[in-house]
Amino acid sequence: MQAPPSAATPAGDTSDQAFVDFDQVWLAYNEELRAQNIFAVEDINLKVKRGEFIAIVGPSGCGKSTFMKLTTGLKMPSMGKIRIDGQPVTGPLKISGMAFQAPSLLPWRTTLDNVLLPLEIVEPFRSQFKDRRKEYEERAKKLLASVGLGGMENKFPWELSGGMQQRASICRALIHEPKMLLLDEPFGALDAFTREELWCTLRDLWEAQRFNVILVTHDLRESVFLADTVYCMSRSPGRFVVQREIPIPRTRDLEVTYSKEFSDIVHELRGHIGAMRKTGTVINQ
C-alpha cells in the first residue's frame, strides 16, 4: 500500500533540505517473517527538515519504537533507504542522543558523572576525555543549570525526584551536542504537573539550539504543544497515514493548551487514532 502524499513530503521541501529522509522503508524483524511478508513497518516515506521538531503518535504496537531504531541505525531496513544529515545510515549514529521513559541513570554515579557518561564512551570525546575533563564538566554543569539542576551535580539518582532524574537523562542525551534528539515516551511515567514542566524545559532547550527532535508519545496534548508536525502511524504494520502541521505560534506557553485551537487539533488527532483502533483502516488527510 502506498503512503498518502501528505505523509511523504512537506510542501516546499526537497531532498537536499531534508535532515531525515526515509525512502520506501520496510522492516521485517527476521528473514522468516520477511519471507511471509510480515513487516513491522511498511513503505515509510518521510522527509524532516533540518531543525524541525516532529512527534509520532499512534496505537500501541504500531511500530513507533521500531521507527526510532531505524532512525538511529540500531536496525537496518529490509527494503528502502534511510539518509540522516545527507549520509546513508549503515549503523548506529554518533550524531544522535536518546532519552527514554525510564531515566536509566547509573545509581553509583553522581548526577554530573551520569551526564558525562557519553563523553567517556563516544569518539571523538572518549580519546580526549582525560585531558579535557574540566572543560567537559563545565559544559555539563551549564547544561544541568539550564534545566533547573544547578547545585545537584553531586547528588546520586536516588536523591533526585523522578522529574529531576528525567531532566538529568535529557542532559546526558545532549551533552555531546548531537544534531538529533530522539525521545521515546520520555515523560510517560511522571505526574501531570511535572510532565508539563518538562515540556517547557524541552521547549526551551530546543528553541535555544534548534537540533532535530523526534518524539514518540501517546500523549496527544504533549505532541501538539511541542511539535512543528505530528505524524500518526497506522496499526501494525505501521506506516504514516496522517501528517498534521501545528500552526500555533511559538514560543508556546502552557496557557495555549486551554485554547480552542489547541483543543480542536488534539480532538482531530484523537479522532484519527480512534478510527484506526476501531477498524484498522487507513485514514488519509
C-alpha atoms as a PDB file:
ATOM      1  CA  MET A   1       0.000   0.000   0.000  1.00  0.00           C
ATOM      2  CA  GLN A   2       1.235   3.460  -0.867  1.00  0.00           C
ATOM      3  CA  ALA A   3       1.572   6.096   1.869  1.00  0.00           C
ATOM      4  CA  PRO A   4      -0.539   9.228   1.267  1.00  0.00           C
ATOM      5  CA  PRO A   5       1.273  12.089  -0.456  1.00  0.00           C
ATOM      6  CA  SER A   6       0.823  14.355   2.577  1.00  0.00           C
ATOM      7  CA  ALA A   7       2.882  11.985   4.688  1.00  0.00           C
ATOM      8  CA  ALA A   8       5.728  11.851   2.217  1.00  0.00           C
ATOM      9  CA  THR A   9       6.996  15.347   1.531  1.00  0.00           C
ATOM     10  CA  PRO A  10       6.076  18.587   3.311  1.00  0.00           C
ATOM     11  CA  ALA A  11       5.179  21.421   0.981  1.00  0.00           C
ATOM     12  CA  GLY A  12       8.224  23.151  -0.467  1.00  0.00           C
ATOM     13  CA  ASP A  13      10.663  20.566   0.877  1.00  0.00           C
ATOM     14  CA  THR A  14      13.331  18.995  -1.314  1.00  0.00           C
ATOM     15  CA  SER A  15      15.715  16.103  -0.775  1.00  0.00           C
ATOM     16  CA  ASP A  16      18.741  18.302  -0.252  1.00  0.00           C
ATOM     17  CA  GLN A  17      16.925  20.164   2.543  1.00  0.00           C
ATOM     18  CA  ALA A  18      15.837  17.035   4.400  1.00  0.00           C
ATOM     19  CA  PHE A  19      17.759  16.165   7.552  1.00  0.00           C
ATOM     20  CA  VAL A  20      15.849  12.875   7.967  1.00  0.00           C
ATOM     21  CA  ASP A  21      14.942  11.124   4.724  1.00  0.00           C
ATOM     22  CA  PHE A  22      13.107   7.777   4.621  1.00  0.00           C
ATOM     23  CA  ASP A  23      12.576   6.448   1.103  1.00  0.00           C
ATOM     24  CA  GLN A  24      10.164   3.484   0.839  1.00  0.00           C
ATOM     25  CA  VAL A  25      11.464   1.820   4.000  1.00  0.00           C
ATOM     26  CA  TRP A  26      10.139  -1.578   5.075  1.00  0.00           C
ATOM     27  CA  LEU A  27      11.327  -3.692   8.022  1.00  0.00           C
ATOM     28  CA  ALA A  28      10.741  -7.324   8.897  1.00  0.00           C
ATOM     29  CA  TYR A  29      12.421  -8.450  12.100  1.00  0.00           C
ATOM     30  CA  ASN A  30      13.916 -11.579  10.549  1.00  0.00           C
ATOM     31  CA  GLU A  31      14.206 -13.382   7.224  1.00  0.00           C
ATOM     32  CA  GLU A  32      11.473 -15.871   8.089  1.00  0.00           C
ATOM     33  CA  LEU A  33       8.970 -13.060   8.673  1.00  0.00           C
ATOM     34  CA  ARG A  34      10.142 -11.295   5.542  1.00  0.00           C
ATOM     35  CA  ALA A  35       9.563 -14.456   3.501  1.00  0.00           C
ATOM     36  CA  GLN A  36       5.989 -14.452   4.830  1.00  0.00           C
ATOM     37  CA  ASN A  37       5.591 -10.720   4.021  1.00  0.00           C
ATOM     38  CA  ILE A  38       5.112  -9.907   7.705  1.00  0.00           C
ATOM     39  CA  PHE A  39       6.546  -6.453   8.331  1.00  0.00           C
ATOM     40  CA  ALA A  40       6.768  -4.314  11.475  1.00  0.00           C
ATOM     41  CA  VAL A  41       6.673  -1.125   9.400  1.00  0.00           C
ATOM     42  CA  GLU A  42       5.914  -0.739   5.712  1.00  0.00           C
ATOM     43  CA  ASP A  43       6.513   1.825   2.998  1.00  0.00           C
ATOM     44  CA  ILE A  44       7.723   4.608   5.284  1.00  0.00           C
ATOM     45  CA  ASN A  45       8.249   7.798   3.290  1.00  0.00           C
ATOM     46  CA  LEU A  46       9.275  10.803   5.335  1.00  0.00           C
ATOM     47  CA  LYS A  47      11.305  13.967   4.949  1.00  0.00           C
ATOM     48  CA  VAL A  48      12.084  16.083   8.005  1.00  0.00           C
ATOM     49  CA  LYS A  49      13.677  19.484   7.583  1.00  0.00           C
ATOM     50  CA  ARG A  50      16.802  20.494   9.467  1.00  0.00           C
ATOM     51  CA  GLY A  51      15.932  21.762  12.937  1.00  0.00           C
ATOM     52  CA  GLU A  52      12.347  20.503  12.782  1.00  0.00           C
ATOM     53  CA  PHE A  53      10.579  19.073  15.837  1.00  0.00           C
ATOM     54  CA  ILE A  54       8.256  16.199  14.951  1.00  0.00           C
ATOM     55  CA  ALA A  55       6.095  13.945  17.110  1.00  0.00           C
ATOM     56  CA  ILE A  56       4.860  10.454  16.266  1.00  0.00           C
ATOM     57  CA  VAL A  57       1.635   9.104  17.746  1.00  0.00           C
ATOM     58  CA  GLY A  58      -0.416   6.007  17.127  1.00  0.00           C
ATOM     59  CA  PRO A  59      -1.958   2.893  18.668  1.00  0.00           C
ATOM     60  CA  SER A  60       0.160   0.662  20.892  1.00  0.00           C
ATOM     61  CA  GLY A  61       2.273  -1.756  18.882  1.00  0.00           C
ATOM     62  CA  CYS A  62       2.040   0.236  15.660  1.00  0.00           C
ATOM     63  CA  GLY A  63       5.793   0.478  15.129  1.00  0.00           C
ATOM     64  CA  LYS A  64       6.722   3.824  16.699  1.00  0.00           C
ATOM     65  CA  SER A  65       9.690   2.415  18.590  1.00  0.00           C
ATOM     66  CA  THR A  66      10.727   0.399  15.536  1.00  0.00           C
ATOM     67  CA  PHE A  67      10.829   3.650  13.574  1.00  0.00           C
ATOM     68  CA  MET A  68      13.147   5.090  16.232  1.00  0.00           C
ATOM     69  CA  LYS A  69      15.503   2.120  15.921  1.00  0.00           C
ATOM     70  CA  LEU A  70      15.633   2.623  12.169  1.00  0.00           C
ATOM     71  CA  THR A  71      16.324   6.332  12.576  1.00  0.00           C
ATOM     72  CA  THR A  72      19.259   5.739  14.920  1.00  0.00           C
ATOM     73  CA  GLY A  73      20.730   2.920  12.851  1.00  0.00           C
ATOM     74  CA  LEU A  74      20.067   0.292  15.518  1.00  0.00           C
ATOM     75  CA  LYS A  75      18.006  -1.586  12.908  1.00  0.00           C
ATOM     76  CA  MET A  76      18.674  -1.765   9.186  1.00  0.00           C
ATOM     77  CA  PRO A  77      15.692  -1.735   6.816  1.00  0.00           C
ATOM     78  CA  SER A  78      14.708  -4.857   4.900  1.00  0.00           C
ATOM     79  CA  MET A  79      13.967  -2.619   1.925  1.00  0.00           C
ATOM     80  CA  GLY A  80      14.363   1.059   1.162  1.00  0.00           C
ATOM     81  CA  LYS A  81      16.901   3.719   2.050  1.00  0.00           C
ATOM     82  CA  ILE A  82      17.468   5.999   5.028  1.00  0.00           C
ATOM     83  CA  ARG A  83      19.631   9.111   4.972  1.00  0.00           C
ATOM     84  CA  ILE A  84      20.347  11.278   8.014  1.00  0.00           C
ATOM     85  CA  ASP A  85      22.101  14.619   7.608  1.00  0.00           C
ATOM     86  CA  GLY A  86      22.767  13.765   3.975  1.00  0.00           C
ATOM     87  CA  GLN A  87      24.516  10.447   4.739  1.00  0.00           C
ATOM     88  CA  PRO A  88      23.184   6.903   4.282  1.00  0.00           C
ATOM     89  CA  VAL A  89      22.532   5.104   7.560  1.00  0.00           C
ATOM     90  CA  THR A  90      24.710   2.000   7.752  1.00  0.00           C
ATOM     91  CA  GLY A  91      24.958   1.515  11.525  1.00  0.00           C
ATOM     92  CA  PRO A  92      24.432   3.236  14.886  1.00  0.00           C
ATOM     93  CA  LEU A  93      24.636   7.014  14.584  1.00  0.00           C
ATOM     94  CA  LYS A  94      27.020   9.153  16.609  1.00  0.00           C
ATOM     95  CA  ILE A  95      25.145  12.371  15.833  1.00  0.00           C
ATOM     96  CA  SER A  96      22.045  11.416  17.841  1.00  0.00           C
ATOM     97  CA  GLY A  97      21.117  11.428  21.506  1.00  0.00           C
ATOM     98  CA  MET A  98      18.339   9.376  23.072  1.00  0.00           C
ATOM     99  CA  ALA A  99      16.178   9.514  26.188  1.00  0.00           C
ATOM    100  CA  PHE A 100      13.543   7.007  27.241  1.00  0.00           C
ATOM    101  CA  GLN A 101      10.634   6.711  29.666  1.00  0.00           C
ATOM    102  CA  ALA A 102      12.955   5.296  32.328  1.00  0.00           C
ATOM    103  CA  PRO A 103      15.865   7.677  33.020  1.00  0.00           C
ATOM    104  CA  SER A 104      18.286   4.721  33.466  1.00  0.00           C
ATOM    105  CA  LEU A 105      20.795   6.739  35.462  1.00  0.00           C
ATOM    106  CA  LEU A 106      23.607   4.639  36.913  1.00  0.00           C
ATOM    107  CA  PRO A 107      22.950   4.551  40.679  1.00  0.00           C
ATOM    108  CA  TRP A 108      26.634   4.548  41.662  1.00  0.00           C
ATOM    109  CA  ARG A 109      27.417   7.708  39.683  1.00  0.00           C
ATOM    110  CA  THR A 110      26.613  11.275  40.657  1.00  0.00           C
ATOM    111  CA  THR A 111      24.329  13.398  38.501  1.00  0.00           C
ATOM    112  CA  LEU A 112      27.365  15.085  36.963  1.00  0.00           C
ATOM    113  CA  ASP A 113      29.101  11.798  36.206  1.00  0.00           C
ATOM    114  CA  ASN A 114      25.907  10.352  34.722  1.00  0.00           C
ATOM    115  CA  VAL A 115      25.625  13.313  32.358  1.00  0.00           C
ATOM    116  CA  LEU A 116      29.305  12.987  31.391  1.00  0.00           C
ATOM    117  CA  LEU A 117      28.963   9.283  30.525  1.00  0.00           C
ATOM    118  CA  PRO A 118      28.508   9.692  26.720  1.00  0.00           C
ATOM    119  CA  LEU A 119      31.708  11.739  26.553  1.00  0.00           C
ATOM    120  CA  GLU A 120      33.560   8.839  28.161  1.00  0.00           C
ATOM    121  CA  ILE A 121      32.397   6.282  25.605  1.00  0.00           C
ATOM    122  CA  VAL A 122      31.708   8.122  22.314  1.00  0.00           C
ATOM    123  CA  GLU A 123      34.501   9.207  19.986  1.00  0.00           C
ATOM    124  CA  PRO A 124      35.998  11.699  19.411  1.00  0.00           C
ATOM    125  CA  PHE A 125      35.276  12.712  23.028  1.00  0.00           C
ATOM    126  CA  ARG A 126      36.479   9.453  24.573  1.00  0.00           C
ATOM    127  CA  SER A 127      40.092   9.871  23.484  1.00  0.00           C
ATOM    128  CA  GLN A 128      40.104  13.473  24.732  1.00  0.00           C
ATOM    129  CA  PHE A 129      38.185  12.930  27.953  1.00  0.00           C
ATOM    130  CA  LYS A 130      41.092  12.778  30.390  1.00  0.00           C
ATOM    131  CA  ASP A 131      42.754  15.912  29.018  1.00  0.00           C
ATOM    132  CA  ARG A 132      39.541  17.909  28.640  1.00  0.00           C
ATOM    133  CA  ARG A 133      37.627  16.669  31.674  1.00  0.00           C
ATOM    134  CA  LYS A 134      37.463  20.113  33.322  1.00  0.00           C
ATOM    135  CA  GLU A 135      36.060  21.637  30.138  1.00  0.00           C
ATOM    136  CA  TYR A 136      33.514  18.834  29.811  1.00  0.00           C
ATOM    137  CA  GLU A 137      32.488  19.198  33.450  1.00  0.00           C
ATOM    138  CA  GLU A 138      31.810  22.894  32.896  1.00  0.00           C
ATOM    139  CA  ARG A 139      29.700  22.053  29.862  1.00  0.00           C
ATOM    140  CA  ALA A 140      27.711  19.528  31.907  1.00  0.00           C
ATOM    141  CA  LYS A 141      27.206  21.979  34.776  1.00  0.00           C
ATOM    142  CA  LYS A 142      25.889  24.650  32.396  1.00  0.00           C
ATOM    143  CA  LEU A 143      23.528  22.146  30.828  1.00  0.00           C
ATOM    144  CA  LEU A 144      22.267  21.000  34.233  1.00  0.00           C
ATOM    145  CA  ALA A 145      21.758  24.607  35.308  1.00  0.00           C
ATOM    146  CA  SER A 146      19.750  25.286  32.146  1.00  0.00           C
ATOM    147  CA  VAL A 147      17.201  22.618  33.171  1.00  0.00           C
ATOM    148  CA  GLY A 148      16.996  23.693  36.808  1.00  0.00           C
ATOM    149  CA  LEU A 149      19.502  21.222  38.243  1.00  0.00           C
ATOM    150  CA  GLY A 150      22.204  23.689  39.216  1.00  0.00           C
ATOM    151  CA  GLY A 151      23.690  22.616  42.542  1.00  0.00           C
ATOM    152  CA  MET A 152      22.587  18.989  42.070  1.00  0.00           C
ATOM    153  CA  GLU A 153      25.796  17.848  40.377  1.00  0.00           C
ATOM    154  CA  ASN A 154      26.987  15.735  43.317  1.00  0.00           C
ATOM    155  CA  LYS A 155      23.626  14.159  44.117  1.00  0.00           C
ATOM    156  CA  PHE A 156      23.067  10.492  43.332  1.00  0.00           C
ATOM    157  CA  PRO A 157      19.998   9.368  41.348  1.00  0.00           C
ATOM    158  CA  TRP A 158      18.230   8.073  44.446  1.00  0.00           C
ATOM    159  CA  GLU A 159      18.456  11.574  45.899  1.00  0.00           C
ATOM    160  CA  LEU A 160      16.554  13.076  42.950  1.00  0.00           C
ATOM    161  CA  SER A 161      12.835  13.129  42.194  1.00  0.00           C
ATOM    162  CA  GLY A 162      11.530  11.419  39.076  1.00  0.00           C
ATOM    163  CA  GLY A 163      11.320  14.724  37.242  1.00  0.00           C
ATOM    164  CA  MET A 164      14.875  15.633  38.233  1.00  0.00           C
ATOM    165  CA  GLN A 165      16.128  12.254  37.029  1.00  0.00           C
ATOM    166  CA  GLN A 166      14.440  12.771  33.667  1.00  0.00           C
ATOM    167  CA  ARG A 167      15.984  16.238  33.370  1.00  0.00           C
ATOM    168  CA  ALA A 168      19.390  14.681  34.008  1.00  0.00           C
ATOM    169  CA  SER A 169      18.645  11.990  31.415  1.00  0.00           C
ATOM    170  CA  ILE A 170      17.885  14.650  28.783  1.00  0.00           C
ATOM    171  CA  CYS A 171      21.118  16.452  29.691  1.00  0.00           C
ATOM    172  CA  ARG A 172      23.010  13.185  29.218  1.00  0.00           C
ATOM    173  CA  ALA A 173      21.415  12.806  25.781  1.00  0.00           C
ATOM    174  CA  LEU A 174      22.506  16.327  24.814  1.00  0.00           C
ATOM    175  CA  ILE A 175      25.977  16.554  26.401  1.00  0.00           C
ATOM    176  CA  HIS A 176      27.803  15.571  23.197  1.00  0.00           C
ATOM    177  CA  GLU A 177      25.838  18.233  21.292  1.00  0.00           C
ATOM    178  CA  PRO A 178      24.028  15.841  18.921  1.00  0.00           C
ATOM    179  CA  LYS A 179      22.336  17.079  15.786  1.00  0.00           C
ATOM    180  CA  MET A 180      19.274  14.958  16.572  1.00  0.00           C
ATOM    181  CA  LEU A 181      17.475  14.070  19.812  1.00  0.00           C
ATOM    182  CA  LEU A 182      15.194  11.040  19.909  1.00  0.00           C
ATOM    183  CA  LEU A 183      12.728  10.775  22.754  1.00  0.00           C
ATOM    184  CA  ASP A 184      10.707   7.597  23.366  1.00  0.00           C
ATOM    185  CA  GLU A 185       7.855   8.343  25.821  1.00  0.00           C
ATOM    186  CA  PRO A 186      10.266  10.408  27.963  1.00  0.00           C
ATOM    187  CA  PHE A 187       7.629  11.857  30.293  1.00  0.00           C
ATOM    188  CA  GLY A 188       5.138   8.999  30.393  1.00  0.00           C
ATOM    189  CA  ALA A 189       5.935   7.883  33.952  1.00  0.00           C
ATOM    190  CA  LEU A 190       5.669  11.365  35.503  1.00  0.00           C
ATOM    191  CA  ASP A 191       2.741  13.125  37.120  1.00  0.00           C
ATOM    192  CA  ALA A 192       0.837  15.692  35.054  1.00  0.00           C
ATOM    193  CA  PHE A 193       2.383  18.776  36.671  1.00  0.00           C
ATOM    194  CA  THR A 194       5.965  17.503  36.356  1.00  0.00           C
ATOM    195  CA  ARG A 195       5.280  16.400  32.800  1.00  0.00           C
ATOM    196  CA  GLU A 196       4.143  19.898  31.812  1.00  0.00           C
ATOM    197  CA  GLU A 197       7.191  21.438  33.499  1.00  0.00           C
ATOM    198  CA  LEU A 198       9.419  19.194  31.398  1.00  0.00           C
ATOM    199  CA  TRP A 199       7.533  20.103  28.220  1.00  0.00           C
ATOM    200  CA  CYS A 200       8.645  23.664  28.878  1.00  0.00           C
ATOM    201  CA  THR A 201      12.199  22.553  29.674  1.00  0.00           C
ATOM    202  CA  LEU A 202      12.428  20.664  26.390  1.00  0.00           C
ATOM    203  CA  ARG A 203      10.815  23.556  24.507  1.00  0.00           C
ATOM    204  CA  ASP A 204      13.418  25.967  25.847  1.00  0.00           C
ATOM    205  CA  LEU A 205      16.363  23.667  25.069  1.00  0.00           C
ATOM    206  CA  TRP A 206      15.139  23.115  21.521  1.00  0.00           C
ATOM    207  CA  GLU A 207      14.430  26.791  20.866  1.00  0.00           C
ATOM    208  CA  ALA A 208      17.920  27.697  22.100  1.00  0.00           C
ATOM    209  CA  GLN A 209      19.768  25.123  19.954  1.00  0.00           C
ATOM    210  CA  ARG A 210      17.364  24.006  17.180  1.00  0.00           C
ATOM    211  CA  PHE A 211      18.591  20.423  16.932  1.00  0.00           C
ATOM    212  CA  ASN A 212      16.213  17.972  15.262  1.00  0.00           C
ATOM    213  CA  VAL A 213      13.812  16.231  17.627  1.00  0.00           C
ATOM    214  CA  ILE A 214      11.764  13.087  17.052  1.00  0.00           C
ATOM    215  CA  LEU A 215       9.347  12.496  19.922  1.00  0.00           C
ATOM    216  CA  VAL A 216       7.354   9.277  20.272  1.00  0.00           C
ATOM    217  CA  THR A 217       4.443   9.738  22.642  1.00  0.00           C
ATOM    218  CA  HIS A 218       0.944   8.515  23.499  1.00  0.00           C
ATOM    219  CA  ASP A 219       0.088  11.951  24.879  1.00  0.00           C
ATOM    220  CA  LEU A 220      -1.659  13.942  22.143  1.00  0.00           C
ATOM    221  CA  ARG A 221      -1.511  17.175  24.155  1.00  0.00           C
ATOM    222  CA  GLU A 222       2.227  16.719  24.504  1.00  0.00           C
ATOM    223  CA  SER A 223       2.646  16.201  20.763  1.00  0.00           C
ATOM    224  CA  VAL A 224       0.616  19.289  19.840  1.00  0.00           C
ATOM    225  CA  PHE A 225       2.321  21.502  22.433  1.00  0.00           C
ATOM    226  CA  LEU A 226       5.870  20.569  21.435  1.00  0.00           C
ATOM    227  CA  ALA A 227       5.957  19.641  17.757  1.00  0.00           C
ATOM    228  CA  ASP A 228       6.029  21.500  14.467  1.00  0.00           C
ATOM    229  CA  THR A 229       4.428  18.478  12.815  1.00  0.00           C
ATOM    230  CA  VAL A 230       2.595  15.458  14.233  1.00  0.00           C
ATOM    231  CA  TYR A 231       2.519  12.154  12.337  1.00  0.00           C
ATOM    232  CA  CYS A 232       0.010   9.380  13.070  1.00  0.00           C
ATOM    233  CA  MET A 233       1.014   5.780  12.438  1.00  0.00           C
ATOM    234  CA  SER A 234      -1.419   3.072  11.409  1.00  0.00           C
ATOM    235  CA  ARG A 235      -1.826  -0.195  13.242  1.00  0.00           C
ATOM    236  CA  SER A 236       0.841  -2.802  12.561  1.00  0.00           C
ATOM    237  CA  PRO A 237       2.396  -2.945  10.050  1.00  0.00           C
ATOM    238  CA  GLY A 238       2.993   0.705  10.847  1.00  0.00           C
ATOM    239  CA  ARG A 239       3.140   3.455   8.273  1.00  0.00           C
ATOM    240  CA  PHE A 240       2.470   7.166   8.380  1.00  0.00           C
ATOM    241  CA  VAL A 241      -1.131   7.865   7.407  1.00  0.00           C
ATOM    242  CA  VAL A 242      -1.718  11.370   8.762  1.00  0.00           C
ATOM    243  CA  GLN A 243       0.562  14.395   8.799  1.00  0.00           C
ATOM    244  CA  ARG A 244      -0.699  17.366  10.825  1.00  0.00           C
ATOM    245  CA  GLU A 245       1.167  20.661  10.799  1.00  0.00           C
ATOM    246  CA  ILE A 246       0.779  22.554  14.086  1.00  0.00           C
ATOM    247  CA  PRO A 247       0.202  26.246  13.197  1.00  0.00           C
ATOM    248  CA  ILE A 248       0.205  27.511  16.793  1.00  0.00           C
ATOM    249  CA  PRO A 249       2.854  30.268  17.007  1.00  0.00           C
ATOM    250  CA  ARG A 250       5.977  29.844  19.082  1.00  0.00           C
ATOM    251  CA  THR A 251       7.047  30.392  21.769  1.00  0.00           C
ATOM    252  CA  ARG A 252       4.132  28.350  23.161  1.00  0.00           C
ATOM    253  CA  ASP A 253       3.302  28.584  26.853  1.00  0.00           C
ATOM    254  CA  LEU A 254       1.056  26.276  28.832  1.00  0.00           C
ATOM    255  CA  GLU A 255      -1.877  28.690  28.573  1.00  0.00           C
ATOM    256  CA  VAL A 256      -2.207  27.757  24.903  1.00  0.00           C
ATOM    257  CA  THR A 257      -3.243  24.233  25.924  1.00  0.00           C
ATOM    258  CA  TYR A 258      -6.565  25.697  27.109  1.00  0.00           C
ATOM    259  CA  SER A 259      -7.290  27.429  23.803  1.00  0.00           C
ATOM    260  CA  LYS A 260      -9.915  26.258  21.318  1.00  0.00           C
ATOM    261  CA  GLU A 261      -7.352  25.997  18.525  1.00  0.00           C
ATOM    262  CA  PHE A 262      -5.207  23.650  20.618  1.00  0.00           C
ATOM    263  CA  SER A 263      -8.168  21.531  21.751  1.00  0.00           C
ATOM    264  CA  ASP A 264      -9.507  21.235  18.209  1.00  0.00           C
ATOM    265  CA  ILE A 265      -6.183  19.840  16.945  1.00  0.00           C
ATOM    266  CA  VAL A 266      -5.980  17.359  19.837  1.00  0.00           C
ATOM    267  CA  HIS A 267      -9.558  16.193  19.172  1.00  0.00           C
ATOM    268  CA  GLU A 268      -8.831  15.857  15.459  1.00  0.00           C
ATOM    269  CA  LEU A 269      -5.805  13.627  16.130  1.00  0.00           C
ATOM    270  CA  ARG A 270      -7.755  11.625  18.699  1.00  0.00           C
ATOM    271  CA  GLY A 271     -10.430  11.031  16.079  1.00  0.00           C
ATOM    272  CA  HIS A 272      -7.891   9.683  13.592  1.00  0.00           C
ATOM    273  CA  ILE A 273      -6.343   7.328  16.129  1.00  0.00           C
ATOM    274  CA  GLY A 274      -9.720   6.238  17.486  1.00  0.00           C
ATOM    275  CA  ALA A 275     -10.875   5.317  13.993  1.00  0.00           C
ATOM    276  CA  MET A 276      -7.697   3.314  13.387  1.00  0.00           C
ATOM    277  CA  ARG A 277      -8.082   1.461  16.678  1.00  0.00           C
ATOM    278  CA  LYS A 278     -11.659   0.506  15.796  1.00  0.00           C
ATOM    279  CA  THR A 279     -11.274  -0.510  12.191  1.00  0.00           C
ATOM    280  CA  GLY A 280      -7.583  -0.763  11.390  1.00  0.00           C
ATOM    281  CA  THR A 281      -8.299   1.188   8.238  1.00  0.00           C
ATOM    282  CA  VAL A 282      -6.033   3.871   6.854  1.00  0.00           C
ATOM    283  CA  ILE A 283      -7.243   7.454   7.105  1.00  0.00           C
ATOM    284  CA  ASN A 284      -5.833   9.839   4.556  1.00  0.00           C
ATOM    285  CA  GLN A 285      -5.701  13.521   5.338  1.00  0.00           C
END
